[in-house]
Amino acid sequence: YKNGVSKENNLKDMIEGCKRKHQELLTKALYARNIEIENNKIVDWMHDATKCPACGTKVDLKDKICPNCELYLE
């Protein structure tokens, strides 16, 4: 009986260790995916020609200077 309980406790410890490791790996993967999504949003925002790349103010495609921050847009 004592040996069986010992094995059961060892298995429970191993399962808990596996759960922790799995959670850690999942958290890292989700964090990396979140960073990837955020970076894509930033790139999309920077390539939007109707916004100033420096301050985000809406600009006309004919504008040469941002009316808000005076960045040259050409």
C-alpha atoms as a PDB file:
ATOM      1  CA  TYR A   1       0.000   0.000   0.000  1.00  0.00           C
ATOM      2  CA  LYS A   2       2.747   2.407   0.964  1.00  0.00           C
ATOM      3  CA  ASN A   3       4.614   1.794  -2.306  1.00  0.00           C
ATOM      4  CA  GLY A   4       1.448   2.388  -4.355  1.00  0.00           C
ATOM      5  CA  VAL A   5       0.785   5.711  -2.606  1.00  0.00           C
ATOM      6  CA  SER A   6       4.368   6.743  -3.224  1.00  0.00           C
ATOM      7  CA  LYS A   7       4.068   5.986  -6.946  1.00  0.00           C
ATOM      8  CA  GLU A   8       0.749   7.834  -7.093  1.00  0.00           C
ATOM      9  CA  ASN A   9       2.311  10.895  -5.465  1.00  0.00           C
ATOM     10  CA  ASN A  10       5.243  10.727  -7.886  1.00  0.00           C
ATOM     11  CA  LEU A  11       2.839  10.584 -10.828  1.00  0.00           C
ATOM     12  CA  LYS A  12       0.855  13.527  -9.448  1.00  0.00           C
ATOM     13  CA  ASP A  13       4.085  15.519  -9.116  1.00  0.00           C
ATOM     14  CA  MET A  14       5.072  14.628 -12.683  1.00  0.00           C
ATOM     15  CA  ILE A  15       1.650  15.652 -13.988  1.00  0.00           C
ATOM     16  CA  GLU A  16       1.829  18.971 -12.133  1.00  0.00           C
ATOM     17  CA  GLY A  17       5.302  19.559 -13.587  1.00  0.00           C
ATOM     18  CA  CYS A  18       4.000  18.824 -17.076  1.00  0.00           C
ATOM     19  CA  LYS A  19       1.071  21.196 -16.532  1.00  0.00           C
ATOM     20  CA  ARG A  20       3.410  23.989 -15.432  1.00  0.00           C
ATOM     21  CA  LYS A  21       5.737  23.426 -18.392  1.00  0.00           C
ATOM     22  CA  HIS A  22       2.816  23.314 -20.834  1.00  0.00           C
ATOM     23  CA  GLN A  23       1.368  26.519 -19.375  1.00  0.00           C
ATOM     24  CA  GLU A  24       4.755  28.223 -19.602  1.00  0.00           C
ATOM     25  CA  LEU A  25       5.218  27.210 -23.252  1.00  0.00           C
ATOM     26  CA  LEU A  26       1.677  28.238 -24.133  1.00  0.00           C
ATOM     27  CA  THR A  27       2.131  31.613 -22.448  1.00  0.00           C
ATOM     28  CA  LYS A  28       5.367  32.232 -24.372  1.00  0.00           C
ATOM     29  CA  ALA A  29       3.749  31.236 -27.673  1.00  0.00           C
ATOM     30  CA  LEU A  30       0.730  33.467 -27.080  1.00  0.00           C
ATOM     31  CA  TYR A  31       2.969  36.380 -26.089  1.00  0.00           C
ATOM     32  CA  ALA A  32       5.040  35.935 -29.268  1.00  0.00           C
ATOM     33  CA  ARG A  33       1.863  35.793 -31.368  1.00  0.00           C
ATOM     34  CA  ASN A  34       0.540  38.932 -29.688  1.00  0.00           C
ATOM     35  CA  ILE A  35       3.789  40.769 -30.491  1.00  0.00           C
ATOM     36  CA  GLU A  36       3.535  39.589 -34.109  1.00  0.00           C
ATOM     37  CA  ILE A  37      -0.039  40.886 -34.369  1.00  0.00           C
ATOM     38  CA  GLU A  38       0.909  44.229 -32.806  1.00  0.00           C
ATOM     39  CA  ASN A  39       3.872  44.592 -35.184  1.00  0.00           C
ATOM     40  CA  ASN A  40       1.595  43.919 -38.157  1.00  0.00           C
ATOM     41  CA  LYS A  41      -0.787  46.618 -36.932  1.00  0.00           C
ATOM     42  CA  ILE A  42       2.106  49.083 -36.672  1.00  0.00           C
ATOM     43  CA  VAL A  43       3.361  48.258 -40.168  1.00  0.00           C
ATOM     44  CA  ASP A  44      -0.166  48.590 -41.587  1.00  0.00           C
ATOM     45  CA  TRP A  45      -0.560  51.937 -39.839  1.00  0.00           C
ATOM     46  CA  MET A  46       2.789  53.192 -41.163  1.00  0.00           C
ATOM     47  CA  HIS A  47       1.887  52.259 -44.745  1.00  0.00           C
ATOM     48  CA  ASP A  48      -1.448  54.079 -44.602  1.00  0.00           C
ATOM     49  CA  ALA A  49      -0.802  57.032 -46.935  1.00  0.00           C
ATOM     50  CA  THR A  50      -3.771  58.964 -45.530  1.00  0.00           C
ATOM     51  CA  LYS A  51      -2.078  59.324 -42.138  1.00  0.00           C
ATOM     52  CA  CYS A  52       1.108  61.068 -41.102  1.00  0.00           C
ATOM     53  CA  PRO A  53       3.655  58.356 -40.217  1.00  0.00           C
ATOM     54  CA  ALA A  54       4.932  60.427 -37.287  1.00  0.00           C
ATOM     55  CA  CYS A  55       1.775  61.557 -35.492  1.00  0.00           C
ATOM     56  CA  GLY A  56      -1.125  59.739 -37.189  1.00  0.00           C
ATOM     57  CA  THR A  57      -2.974  62.883 -38.270  1.00  0.00           C
ATOM     58  CA  LYS A  58      -5.131  62.386 -41.346  1.00  0.00           C
ATOM     59  CA  VAL A  59      -3.532  64.051 -44.349  1.00  0.00           C
ATOM     60  CA  ASP A  60      -4.499  64.491 -47.954  1.00  0.00           C
ATOM     61  CA  LEU A  61      -2.412  62.635 -50.522  1.00  0.00           C
ATOM     62  CA  LYS A  62      -1.522  66.031 -52.045  1.00  0.00           C
ATOM     63  CA  ASP A  63      -0.164  67.425 -48.764  1.00  0.00           C
ATOM     64  CA  LYS A  64       3.586  67.901 -48.669  1.00  0.00           C
ATOM     65  CA  ILE A  65       3.759  68.705 -44.949  1.00  0.00           C
ATOM     66  CA  CYS A  66       1.739  67.311 -42.063  1.00  0.00           C
ATOM     67  CA  PRO A  67      -0.536  70.078 -40.741  1.00  0.00           C
ATOM     68  CA  ASN A  68      -0.075  68.838 -37.175  1.00  0.00           C
ATOM     69  CA  CYS A  69       3.618  68.028 -36.711  1.00  0.00           C
ATOM     70  CA  GLU A  70       5.042  69.641 -39.870  1.00  0.00           C
ATOM     71  CA  LEU A  71       6.787  66.461 -41.025  1.00  0.00           C
ATOM     72  CA  TYR A  72       7.698  66.510 -44.709  1.00  0.00           C
ATOM     73  CA  LEU A  73       5.618  63.807 -46.350  1.00  0.00           C
ATOM     74  CA  GLU A  74       7.427  63.412 -49.663  1.00  0.00           C
END
